[in-house]
């Protein structure tokens, strides 16, 4: 004996109600750039630098990181905190790097001299590439000495890096210029050395050499960079 048209209609109605009642499936755990992680409204970087902050926390003011309204705070062993003075934006966790004195997970850390800490951070500048942000901290007085919210142009590649490091003087590679390739092609990104010099309590940034293919620049260097790009960079010197 069949259930009839009325029975079929009732079954379909019940199935649709059940489908609506099901909770949405969580996004796959994925890597760092999966949406739930990359756009977290808040995340904390634990630090292990002697005399430095215990952690750095980035929090969206409105609870939605896609609104590019995150700010940064440094927390200290005595429970106090310091606003990093960042231009609001989206600050994703990166691979980062540590100094011999220690580091902060997901950030770059260098120690220019005793009592100072230089934080290297990435700010998402979509639709353009990421930007390098630098914060110089006084770890004795627990205050911000200097901030560079936009270091040069876009980052070269998609991770924080430095190619030279000595106390108070660092070099990294950023995009130094864009070479027009006509209406049918994207502009060519030309990498250039950026020198970061810690002078007393301030950061001084100056452009250095253009990076050619024969120059090895650590993980900032793109081994796939073509000879044509090297010729263009030399023509800009």
C-alpha atoms as a PDB file:
ATOM      1  CA  UNK A   1       0.000   0.000   0.000  1.00  0.00           C
ATOM      2  CA  UNK A   2       1.552   3.346  -1.126  1.00  0.00           C
ATOM      3  CA  UNK A   3       1.786   6.377   1.069  1.00  0.00           C
ATOM      4  CA  UNK A   4       0.018   8.568  -1.482  1.00  0.00           C
ATOM      5  CA  UNK A   5       0.624  12.138  -2.568  1.00  0.00           C
ATOM      6  CA  UNK A   6      -0.180  13.572   0.865  1.00  0.00           C
ATOM      7  CA  UNK A   7       2.305  11.225   2.536  1.00  0.00           C
ATOM      8  CA  UNK A   8       5.044  12.148   0.061  1.00  0.00           C
ATOM      9  CA  UNK A   9       4.400  15.838   0.653  1.00  0.00           C
ATOM     10  CA  UNK A  10       4.630  15.349   4.412  1.00  0.00           C
ATOM     11  CA  UNK A  11       7.925  13.446   4.077  1.00  0.00           C
ATOM     12  CA  UNK A  12       9.427  16.155   1.878  1.00  0.00           C
ATOM     13  CA  UNK A  13       8.356  18.860   4.315  1.00  0.00           C
ATOM     14  CA  UNK A  14       9.904  16.936   7.237  1.00  0.00           C
ATOM     15  CA  UNK A  15      13.188  16.476   5.312  1.00  0.00           C
ATOM     16  CA  UNK A  16      13.442  20.191   4.526  1.00  0.00           C
ATOM     17  CA  UNK A  17      12.896  21.100   8.182  1.00  0.00           C
ATOM     18  CA  UNK A  18      15.624  18.672   9.244  1.00  0.00           C
ATOM     19  CA  UNK A  19      18.054  20.154   6.705  1.00  0.00           C
ATOM     20  CA  UNK A  20      17.482  23.664   8.017  1.00  0.00           C
ATOM     21  CA  UNK A  21      17.899  22.483  11.602  1.00  0.00           C
ATOM     22  CA  UNK A  22      21.350  20.995  10.928  1.00  0.00           C
ATOM     23  CA  UNK A  23      24.199  23.231  12.183  1.00  0.00           C
ATOM     24  CA  UNK A  24      26.581  24.505   9.486  1.00  0.00           C
ATOM     25  CA  UNK A  25      29.647  22.347   8.947  1.00  0.00           C
ATOM     26  CA  UNK A  26      32.870  23.779  10.322  1.00  0.00           C
ATOM     27  CA  UNK A  27      35.472  24.738   7.762  1.00  0.00           C
ATOM     28  CA  UNK A  28      38.328  22.233   7.424  1.00  0.00           C
ATOM     29  CA  UNK A  29      41.210  22.716   9.830  1.00  0.00           C
ATOM     30  CA  UNK A  30      43.542  23.572   6.921  1.00  0.00           C
ATOM     31  CA  UNK A  31      46.720  25.586   7.129  1.00  0.00           C
ATOM     32  CA  UNK A  32      47.521  29.045   8.383  1.00  0.00           C
ATOM     33  CA  UNK A  33      45.790  30.768   5.457  1.00  0.00           C
ATOM     34  CA  UNK A  34      42.447  28.962   5.844  1.00  0.00           C
ATOM     35  CA  UNK A  35      39.684  31.460   6.525  1.00  0.00           C
ATOM     36  CA  UNK A  36      38.963  30.561  10.185  1.00  0.00           C
ATOM     37  CA  UNK A  37      42.638  31.080  11.102  1.00  0.00           C
ATOM     38  CA  UNK A  38      43.731  33.918   8.843  1.00  0.00           C
ATOM     39  CA  UNK A  39      40.762  36.096   9.762  1.00  0.00           C
ATOM     40  CA  UNK A  40      40.639  35.337  13.468  1.00  0.00           C
ATOM     41  CA  UNK A  41      39.258  38.296  15.409  1.00  0.00           C
ATOM     42  CA  UNK A  42      41.997  37.890  18.017  1.00  0.00           C
ATOM     43  CA  UNK A  43      45.216  35.931  18.429  1.00  0.00           C
ATOM     44  CA  UNK A  44      48.095  35.951  20.884  1.00  0.00           C
ATOM     45  CA  UNK A  45      51.791  35.448  20.249  1.00  0.00           C
ATOM     46  CA  UNK A  46      53.632  34.046  23.299  1.00  0.00           C
ATOM     47  CA  UNK A  47      57.126  35.527  23.716  1.00  0.00           C
ATOM     48  CA  UNK A  48      60.302  34.129  25.232  1.00  0.00           C
ATOM     49  CA  UNK A  49      62.699  37.093  25.215  1.00  0.00           C
ATOM     50  CA  UNK A  50      64.464  37.728  28.519  1.00  0.00           C
ATOM     51  CA  UNK A  51      63.241  41.036  29.958  1.00  0.00           C
ATOM     52  CA  UNK A  52      60.745  41.429  27.128  1.00  0.00           C
ATOM     53  CA  UNK A  53      56.957  41.105  26.930  1.00  0.00           C
ATOM     54  CA  UNK A  54      55.308  37.813  27.795  1.00  0.00           C
ATOM     55  CA  UNK A  55      53.028  38.053  24.765  1.00  0.00           C
ATOM     56  CA  UNK A  56      51.773  40.209  21.907  1.00  0.00           C
ATOM     57  CA  UNK A  57      48.021  40.200  21.246  1.00  0.00           C
ATOM     58  CA  UNK A  58      46.196  41.383  18.131  1.00  0.00           C
ATOM     59  CA  UNK A  59      42.474  42.081  18.492  1.00  0.00           C
ATOM     60  CA  UNK A  60      39.813  43.363  16.105  1.00  0.00           C
ATOM     61  CA  UNK A  61      38.097  46.401  17.639  1.00  0.00           C
ATOM     62  CA  UNK A  62      34.740  45.340  16.197  1.00  0.00           C
ATOM     63  CA  UNK A  63      35.191  41.585  16.499  1.00  0.00           C
ATOM     64  CA  UNK A  64      35.579  41.068  12.734  1.00  0.00           C
ATOM     65  CA  UNK A  65      39.143  40.970  11.409  1.00  0.00           C
ATOM     66  CA  UNK A  66      37.965  41.373   7.804  1.00  0.00           C
ATOM     67  CA  UNK A  67      37.172  44.988   8.713  1.00  0.00           C
ATOM     68  CA  UNK A  68      40.943  45.639   9.023  1.00  0.00           C
ATOM     69  CA  UNK A  69      40.596  47.119  12.504  1.00  0.00           C
ATOM     70  CA  UNK A  70      43.063  45.058  14.540  1.00  0.00           C
ATOM     71  CA  UNK A  71      45.297  46.730  17.118  1.00  0.00           C
ATOM     72  CA  UNK A  72      48.308  45.306  18.949  1.00  0.00           C
ATOM     73  CA  UNK A  73      49.127  45.168  22.661  1.00  0.00           C
ATOM     74  CA  UNK A  74      52.258  43.959  24.443  1.00  0.00           C
ATOM     75  CA  UNK A  75      51.738  42.270  27.828  1.00  0.00           C
ATOM     76  CA  UNK A  76      54.483  42.301  30.471  1.00  0.00           C
ATOM     77  CA  UNK A  77      55.367  39.973  33.369  1.00  0.00           C
ATOM     78  CA  UNK A  78      53.926  42.397  35.958  1.00  0.00           C
ATOM     79  CA  UNK A  79      50.512  42.356  34.277  1.00  0.00           C
ATOM     80  CA  UNK A  80      50.844  45.765  32.610  1.00  0.00           C
ATOM     81  CA  UNK A  81      50.301  46.286  28.882  1.00  0.00           C
ATOM     82  CA  UNK A  82      51.513  48.647  26.167  1.00  0.00           C
ATOM     83  CA  UNK A  83      49.613  49.741  23.064  1.00  0.00           C
ATOM     84  CA  UNK A  84      51.933  49.183  20.091  1.00  0.00           C
ATOM     85  CA  UNK A  85      50.631  52.250  18.249  1.00  0.00           C
ATOM     86  CA  UNK A  86      49.791  50.333  15.092  1.00  0.00           C
ATOM     87  CA  UNK A  87      47.782  51.661  12.187  1.00  0.00           C
ATOM     88  CA  UNK A  88      44.575  49.546  12.332  1.00  0.00           C
ATOM     89  CA  UNK A  89      44.642  46.637   9.919  1.00  0.00           C
ATOM     90  CA  UNK A  90      44.624  42.876   9.538  1.00  0.00           C
ATOM     91  CA  UNK A  91      47.704  41.324  11.152  1.00  0.00           C
ATOM     92  CA  UNK A  92      47.927  37.619  10.299  1.00  0.00           C
ATOM     93  CA  UNK A  93      50.242  35.211  12.045  1.00  0.00           C
ATOM     94  CA  UNK A  94      53.346  34.495   9.955  1.00  0.00           C
ATOM     95  CA  UNK A  95      56.307  32.126  10.139  1.00  0.00           C
ATOM     96  CA  UNK A  96      58.357  34.903  11.698  1.00  0.00           C
ATOM     97  CA  UNK A  97      61.872  34.458  13.054  1.00  0.00           C
ATOM     98  CA  UNK A  98      63.645  34.703  16.388  1.00  0.00           C
ATOM     99  CA  UNK A  99      66.799  36.390  17.605  1.00  0.00           C
ATOM    100  CA  UNK A 100      69.444  34.487  19.590  1.00  0.00           C
ATOM    101  CA  UNK A 101      67.895  36.085  22.696  1.00  0.00           C
ATOM    102  CA  UNK A 102      64.456  34.602  21.976  1.00  0.00           C
ATOM    103  CA  UNK A 103      61.347  35.387  19.971  1.00  0.00           C
ATOM    104  CA  UNK A 104      57.562  35.745  19.738  1.00  0.00           C
ATOM    105  CA  UNK A 105      55.586  33.048  17.933  1.00  0.00           C
ATOM    106  CA  UNK A 106      54.303  34.190  14.527  1.00  0.00           C
ATOM    107  CA  UNK A 107      56.321  37.442  14.545  1.00  0.00           C
ATOM    108  CA  UNK A 108      59.832  38.521  13.682  1.00  0.00           C
ATOM    109  CA  UNK A 109      62.023  39.559  16.613  1.00  0.00           C
ATOM    110  CA  UNK A 110      65.456  41.174  16.745  1.00  0.00           C
ATOM    111  CA  UNK A 111      67.316  42.783  19.659  1.00  0.00           C
ATOM    112  CA  UNK A 112      69.154  45.955  18.513  1.00  0.00           C
ATOM    113  CA  UNK A 113      70.795  46.468  21.903  1.00  0.00           C
ATOM    114  CA  UNK A 114      70.184  45.771  25.570  1.00  0.00           C
ATOM    115  CA  UNK A 115      66.830  47.121  26.694  1.00  0.00           C
ATOM    116  CA  UNK A 116      65.361  47.262  23.180  1.00  0.00           C
ATOM    117  CA  UNK A 117      63.221  44.897  21.133  1.00  0.00           C
ATOM    118  CA  UNK A 118      62.350  45.297  17.450  1.00  0.00           C
ATOM    119  CA  UNK A 119      59.136  43.584  16.331  1.00  0.00           C
ATOM    120  CA  UNK A 120      58.681  42.705  12.646  1.00  0.00           C
ATOM    121  CA  UNK A 121      55.038  42.263  11.644  1.00  0.00           C
ATOM    122  CA  UNK A 122      53.046  41.674   8.498  1.00  0.00           C
ATOM    123  CA  UNK A 123      49.929  43.712   7.699  1.00  0.00           C
ATOM    124  CA  UNK A 124      47.535  42.488   5.029  1.00  0.00           C
ATOM    125  CA  UNK A 125      47.165  45.317   2.506  1.00  0.00           C
ATOM    126  CA  UNK A 126      44.801  43.584   0.088  1.00  0.00           C
ATOM    127  CA  UNK A 127      44.234  43.874  -2.803  1.00  0.00           C
ATOM    128  CA  UNK A 128      47.949  44.744  -2.835  1.00  0.00           C
ATOM    129  CA  UNK A 129      50.609  42.542  -1.271  1.00  0.00           C
ATOM    130  CA  UNK A 130      51.474  42.477   2.458  1.00  0.00           C
ATOM    131  CA  UNK A 131      53.312  45.373   4.099  1.00  0.00           C
ATOM    132  CA  UNK A 132      56.138  45.267   6.619  1.00  0.00           C
ATOM    133  CA  UNK A 133      55.428  46.961   9.967  1.00  0.00           C
ATOM    134  CA  UNK A 134      58.154  47.661  12.543  1.00  0.00           C
ATOM    135  CA  UNK A 135      57.790  48.509  16.240  1.00  0.00           C
ATOM    136  CA  UNK A 136      60.753  49.428  18.458  1.00  0.00           C
ATOM    137  CA  UNK A 137      60.114  48.720  22.149  1.00  0.00           C
ATOM    138  CA  UNK A 138      61.933  49.895  25.256  1.00  0.00           C
ATOM    139  CA  UNK A 139      61.837  46.793  27.456  1.00  0.00           C
ATOM    140  CA  UNK A 140      63.036  48.631  30.566  1.00  0.00           C
ATOM    141  CA  UNK A 141      60.435  51.417  30.575  1.00  0.00           C
ATOM    142  CA  UNK A 142      57.943  49.207  28.704  1.00  0.00           C
ATOM    143  CA  UNK A 143      57.032  51.782  26.112  1.00  0.00           C
ATOM    144  CA  UNK A 144      57.042  52.194  22.342  1.00  0.00           C
ATOM    145  CA  UNK A 145      60.039  54.148  21.078  1.00  0.00           C
ATOM    146  CA  UNK A 146      59.198  54.233  17.367  1.00  0.00           C
ATOM    147  CA  UNK A 147      56.750  52.745  14.860  1.00  0.00           C
ATOM    148  CA  UNK A 148      56.972  52.375  11.080  1.00  0.00           C
ATOM    149  CA  UNK A 149      53.524  51.353   9.843  1.00  0.00           C
ATOM    150  CA  UNK A 150      54.478  51.204   6.169  1.00  0.00           C
ATOM    151  CA  UNK A 151      58.088  50.202   5.536  1.00  0.00           C
ATOM    152  CA  UNK A 152      58.821  50.961   1.883  1.00  0.00           C
ATOM    153  CA  UNK A 153      56.487  49.271  -0.568  1.00  0.00           C
ATOM    154  CA  UNK A 154      55.054  45.763  -0.501  1.00  0.00           C
ATOM    155  CA  UNK A 155      56.971  42.845   0.945  1.00  0.00           C
ATOM    156  CA  UNK A 156      59.040  40.766  -1.473  1.00  0.00           C
ATOM    157  CA  UNK A 157      57.359  37.395  -1.196  1.00  0.00           C
ATOM    158  CA  UNK A 158      54.876  36.485   1.472  1.00  0.00           C
ATOM    159  CA  UNK A 159      56.874  36.013   4.642  1.00  0.00           C
ATOM    160  CA  UNK A 160      58.862  38.168   7.037  1.00  0.00           C
ATOM    161  CA  UNK A 161      62.582  37.957   6.506  1.00  0.00           C
ATOM    162  CA  UNK A 162      65.884  39.720   6.926  1.00  0.00           C
ATOM    163  CA  UNK A 163      68.988  39.224   4.818  1.00  0.00           C
ATOM    164  CA  UNK A 164      71.523  40.845   7.109  1.00  0.00           C
ATOM    165  CA  UNK A 165      71.494  41.244  10.856  1.00  0.00           C
ATOM    166  CA  UNK A 166      73.909  42.884  13.231  1.00  0.00           C
ATOM    167  CA  UNK A 167      73.129  44.843  16.410  1.00  0.00           C
ATOM    168  CA  UNK A 168      71.110  47.884  15.376  1.00  0.00           C
ATOM    169  CA  UNK A 169      71.457  47.370  11.608  1.00  0.00           C
ATOM    170  CA  UNK A 170      69.327  45.070   9.478  1.00  0.00           C
ATOM    171  CA  UNK A 171      68.545  44.537   5.823  1.00  0.00           C
ATOM    172  CA  UNK A 172      65.463  43.054   4.250  1.00  0.00           C
ATOM    173  CA  UNK A 173      64.134  42.896   0.683  1.00  0.00           C
ATOM    174  CA  UNK A 174      60.995  44.791  -0.331  1.00  0.00           C
ATOM    175  CA  UNK A 175      59.504  45.704  -3.683  1.00  0.00           C
ATOM    176  CA  UNK A 176      61.382  48.834  -4.730  1.00  0.00           C
ATOM    177  CA  UNK A 177      59.519  49.664  -7.939  1.00  0.00           C
ATOM    178  CA  UNK A 178      56.989  48.372 -10.445  1.00  0.00           C
ATOM    179  CA  UNK A 179      58.009  48.012 -14.098  1.00  0.00           C
ATOM    180  CA  UNK A 180      55.175  48.643 -16.567  1.00  0.00           C
ATOM    181  CA  UNK A 181      54.688  45.646 -18.884  1.00  0.00           C
ATOM    182  CA  UNK A 182      51.927  47.093 -21.042  1.00  0.00           C
ATOM    183  CA  UNK A 183      48.164  46.707 -20.920  1.00  0.00           C
ATOM    184  CA  UNK A 184      48.206  42.927 -21.345  1.00  0.00           C
ATOM    185  CA  UNK A 185      50.507  42.052 -18.451  1.00  0.00           C
ATOM    186  CA  UNK A 186      50.814  42.717 -14.753  1.00  0.00           C
ATOM    187  CA  UNK A 187      53.521  45.196 -13.666  1.00  0.00           C
ATOM    188  CA  UNK A 188      56.837  43.567 -12.870  1.00  0.00           C
ATOM    189  CA  UNK A 189      57.848  43.678  -9.190  1.00  0.00           C
ATOM    190  CA  UNK A 190      61.467  44.752  -8.727  1.00  0.00           C
ATOM    191  CA  UNK A 191      63.075  43.770  -5.397  1.00  0.00           C
ATOM    192  CA  UNK A 192      65.375  46.151  -3.564  1.00  0.00           C
ATOM    193  CA  UNK A 193      67.286  46.083  -0.297  1.00  0.00           C
ATOM    194  CA  UNK A 194      65.807  48.114   2.552  1.00  0.00           C
ATOM    195  CA  UNK A 195      68.231  49.063   5.327  1.00  0.00           C
ATOM    196  CA  UNK A 196      66.784  49.390   8.818  1.00  0.00           C
ATOM    197  CA  UNK A 197      69.075  51.247  11.192  1.00  0.00           C
ATOM    198  CA  UNK A 198      68.255  51.711  14.873  1.00  0.00           C
ATOM    199  CA  UNK A 199      69.685  55.122  15.786  1.00  0.00           C
ATOM    200  CA  UNK A 200      69.342  55.701  19.529  1.00  0.00           C
ATOM    201  CA  UNK A 201      65.570  55.432  20.068  1.00  0.00           C
ATOM    202  CA  UNK A 202      64.476  55.787  16.442  1.00  0.00           C
ATOM    203  CA  UNK A 203      64.217  53.731  13.271  1.00  0.00           C
ATOM    204  CA  UNK A 204      65.891  55.064  10.140  1.00  0.00           C
ATOM    205  CA  UNK A 205      65.005  53.360   6.850  1.00  0.00           C
ATOM    206  CA  UNK A 206      66.940  53.850   3.605  1.00  0.00           C
ATOM    207  CA  UNK A 207      66.855  52.076   0.263  1.00  0.00           C
ATOM    208  CA  UNK A 208      69.920  50.064  -0.728  1.00  0.00           C
ATOM    209  CA  UNK A 209      70.896  48.174  -3.880  1.00  0.00           C
ATOM    210  CA  UNK A 210      68.537  46.612  -6.361  1.00  0.00           C
ATOM    211  CA  UNK A 211      68.626  42.833  -6.051  1.00  0.00           C
ATOM    212  CA  UNK A 212      69.951  41.004  -9.101  1.00  0.00           C
ATOM    213  CA  UNK A 213      69.665  37.308  -9.827  1.00  0.00           C
ATOM    214  CA  UNK A 214      73.277  36.658  -8.836  1.00  0.00           C
ATOM    215  CA  UNK A 215      72.775  38.082  -5.343  1.00  0.00           C
ATOM    216  CA  UNK A 216      71.785  35.507  -2.767  1.00  0.00           C
ATOM    217  CA  UNK A 217      69.447  37.113  -0.238  1.00  0.00           C
ATOM    218  CA  UNK A 218      68.443  34.208   1.955  1.00  0.00           C
ATOM    219  CA  UNK A 219      64.770  33.361   2.062  1.00  0.00           C
ATOM    220  CA  UNK A 220      63.937  36.855   0.736  1.00  0.00           C
ATOM    221  CA  UNK A 221      65.515  35.841  -2.552  1.00  0.00           C
ATOM    222  CA  UNK A 222      63.326  34.318  -5.276  1.00  0.00           C
ATOM    223  CA  UNK A 223      65.482  31.850  -7.208  1.00  0.00           C
ATOM    224  CA  UNK A 224      62.952  31.889 -10.053  1.00  0.00           C
ATOM    225  CA  UNK A 225      63.608  35.564 -10.742  1.00  0.00           C
ATOM    226  CA  UNK A 226      64.505  35.979 -14.428  1.00  0.00           C
ATOM    227  CA  UNK A 227      67.515  37.564 -16.127  1.00  0.00           C
ATOM    228  CA  UNK A 228      65.177  40.104 -17.725  1.00  0.00           C
ATOM    229  CA  UNK A 229      64.191  41.367 -14.290  1.00  0.00           C
ATOM    230  CA  UNK A 230      67.834  41.642 -13.306  1.00  0.00           C
ATOM    231  CA  UNK A 231      68.553  43.752 -16.385  1.00  0.00           C
ATOM    232  CA  UNK A 232      65.617  46.044 -15.586  1.00  0.00           C
ATOM    233  CA  UNK A 233      66.815  46.523 -12.000  1.00  0.00           C
ATOM    234  CA  UNK A 234      70.314  47.440 -13.155  1.00  0.00           C
ATOM    235  CA  UNK A 235      68.857  49.997 -15.564  1.00  0.00           C
ATOM    236  CA  UNK A 236      67.148  51.703 -12.609  1.00  0.00           C
ATOM    237  CA  UNK A 237      70.362  52.216 -10.645  1.00  0.00           C
END
